[in-house]
Protein backbone atom coordinates (compact mmCIF):
# COMPACT_ATOMS: atom_id res chain seq x y z
CA GLU A 1 118.84 123.71 54.13
CA VAL A 2 116.95 126.99 54.12
CA GLN A 3 115.43 127.72 50.72
CA LEU A 4 113.47 130.82 49.72
CA VAL A 5 112.12 131.17 46.19
CA GLU A 6 110.52 134.46 45.15
CA SER A 7 108.15 134.87 42.23
CA GLY A 8 105.55 137.26 40.87
CA GLY A 9 107.70 140.14 39.70
CA GLY A 10 107.27 141.83 36.35
CA SER A 11 106.92 145.09 34.48
CA VAL A 12 103.97 147.37 35.20
CA GLN A 13 102.94 150.94 34.54
CA PRO A 14 102.82 153.51 37.35
CA GLY A 15 99.73 152.99 39.45
CA GLY A 16 99.69 149.28 38.74
CA SER A 17 99.78 146.33 41.11
CA LEU A 18 101.73 143.12 41.59
CA ARG A 19 101.66 140.30 44.11
CA LEU A 20 104.95 138.75 45.07
CA SER A 21 105.22 135.29 46.60
CA CYS A 22 108.02 133.55 48.47
CA ALA A 23 107.97 129.79 48.89
CA ALA A 24 109.90 128.73 51.98
CA SER A 25 111.37 125.38 52.96
CA GLY A 26 114.07 123.87 55.16
CA PHE A 27 113.02 125.56 58.39
CA ILE A 28 110.00 126.04 60.63
CA PHE A 29 108.30 128.81 58.66
CA SER A 30 105.46 129.31 61.16
CA SER A 31 107.97 130.20 63.89
CA SER A 32 110.00 132.67 61.83
CA ILE A 33 109.91 136.43 61.51
CA MET A 34 109.99 137.17 57.78
CA ARG A 35 110.86 140.31 55.86
CA TRP A 36 110.80 141.69 52.34
CA LEU A 37 113.81 143.72 51.22
CA ARG A 38 114.59 145.44 47.93
CA GLN A 39 117.59 146.74 46.08
CA ALA A 40 117.25 149.39 43.41
CA PRO A 41 119.88 149.74 40.67
CA GLY A 42 123.02 151.34 42.09
CA LYS A 43 121.65 151.46 45.64
CA GLY A 44 121.96 149.42 48.81
CA LEU A 45 119.58 146.89 50.26
CA GLU A 46 116.45 148.50 51.75
CA TRP A 47 114.07 146.98 54.25
CA VAL A 48 110.46 147.10 52.99
CA ALA A 49 108.19 145.15 55.35
CA ARG A 50 108.25 142.73 58.27
CA ILE A 51 105.74 140.24 59.65
CA ASP A 52 105.74 138.29 62.90
CA PRO A 53 105.41 134.49 62.94
CA GLY A 54 101.67 134.53 63.55
CA GLY A 55 100.99 137.16 60.92
CA LYS A 56 99.28 139.55 63.33
CA THR A 57 101.96 142.23 63.57
CA THR A 58 103.34 143.95 60.50
CA ASN A 59 105.68 146.89 59.98
CA TYR A 60 106.49 148.91 56.87
CA ALA A 61 109.07 151.34 55.63
CA ASP A 62 107.64 154.84 55.32
CA SER A 63 108.26 154.75 51.56
CA VAL A 64 105.72 151.92 51.07
CA LYS A 65 103.29 152.39 53.97
CA GLY A 66 99.69 152.43 52.76
CA ARG A 67 100.61 150.94 49.37
CA PHE A 68 102.21 147.56 50.16
CA THR A 69 100.81 144.75 52.30
CA ILE A 70 102.82 141.86 53.71
CA SER A 71 101.05 138.63 54.63
CA ARG A 72 101.77 134.95 55.09
CA ASP A 73 100.14 131.54 54.81
CA ASN A 74 101.79 129.33 57.41
CA ALA A 75 99.89 126.26 56.21
CA GLU A 76 101.51 126.68 52.78
CA ASN A 77 104.88 128.03 54.02
CA THR A 78 104.44 131.05 51.78
CA LEU A 79 105.13 134.75 52.27
CA PHE A 80 103.39 137.41 50.18
CA LEU A 81 103.82 141.07 49.34
CA GLN A 82 100.96 142.92 47.66
CA LEU A 83 102.24 145.97 45.83
CA ASN A 84 99.63 148.60 44.91
CA SER A 85 99.87 152.14 43.50
CA LEU A 86 103.32 151.36 42.19
CA LYS A 87 105.73 154.19 41.42
CA PRO A 88 108.85 154.27 39.24
CA GLU A 89 110.95 154.53 42.41
CA ASP A 90 109.65 151.10 43.46
CA THR A 91 111.71 149.57 40.65
CA ALA A 92 114.07 147.09 42.32
CA MET A 93 114.96 143.49 42.88
CA TYR A 94 112.76 142.23 45.71
CA TYR A 95 113.97 139.60 48.17
CA CYS A 96 112.25 137.69 50.93
CA GLU A 97 114.31 137.08 54.02
CA LYS A 98 114.22 134.79 57.01
CA PHE A 99 115.09 137.41 59.63
CA SER A 100 117.02 135.04 61.90
CA GLY A 101 120.16 134.17 60.03
CA GLY A 102 119.58 136.63 57.21
CA TYR A 103 118.77 133.98 54.61
CA LYS A 104 117.51 135.44 51.32
CA GLY A 105 116.20 134.08 48.07
CA GLN A 106 117.43 134.88 44.58
CA GLY A 107 114.99 137.74 44.21
CA THR A 108 112.28 138.76 41.76
CA GLN A 109 112.52 141.88 39.60
CA VAL A 110 109.87 144.60 39.74
CA THR A 111 110.03 147.31 37.09
CA VAL A 112 107.63 150.26 37.11
CA SER A 113 107.75 152.34 33.96
CA SER A 114 105.44 154.03 31.51
């Protein structure tokens, strides 16, 4: 059974940073494309970042490029998202996703407010 458990969310002021983690199990993590998605209040699901199985190729939505960094530790079956220079519009529930099959975790809330 695929399981994805996100953690690391919280409340920060604009300009602050957070590091999200996603613990994966139930599938071969090191062979899987992984993504981070987010959903702001009242809005649809938005793709944020993507990483290839080896961790060498990453892609970002224009809205987060230069501020967020996706990475992975295949030895620990863990996906990360470093969020820097946070803005109020980054407020959302953040989900990690196993791209093949569209499996998602329960999400972790990020709130950016002064």
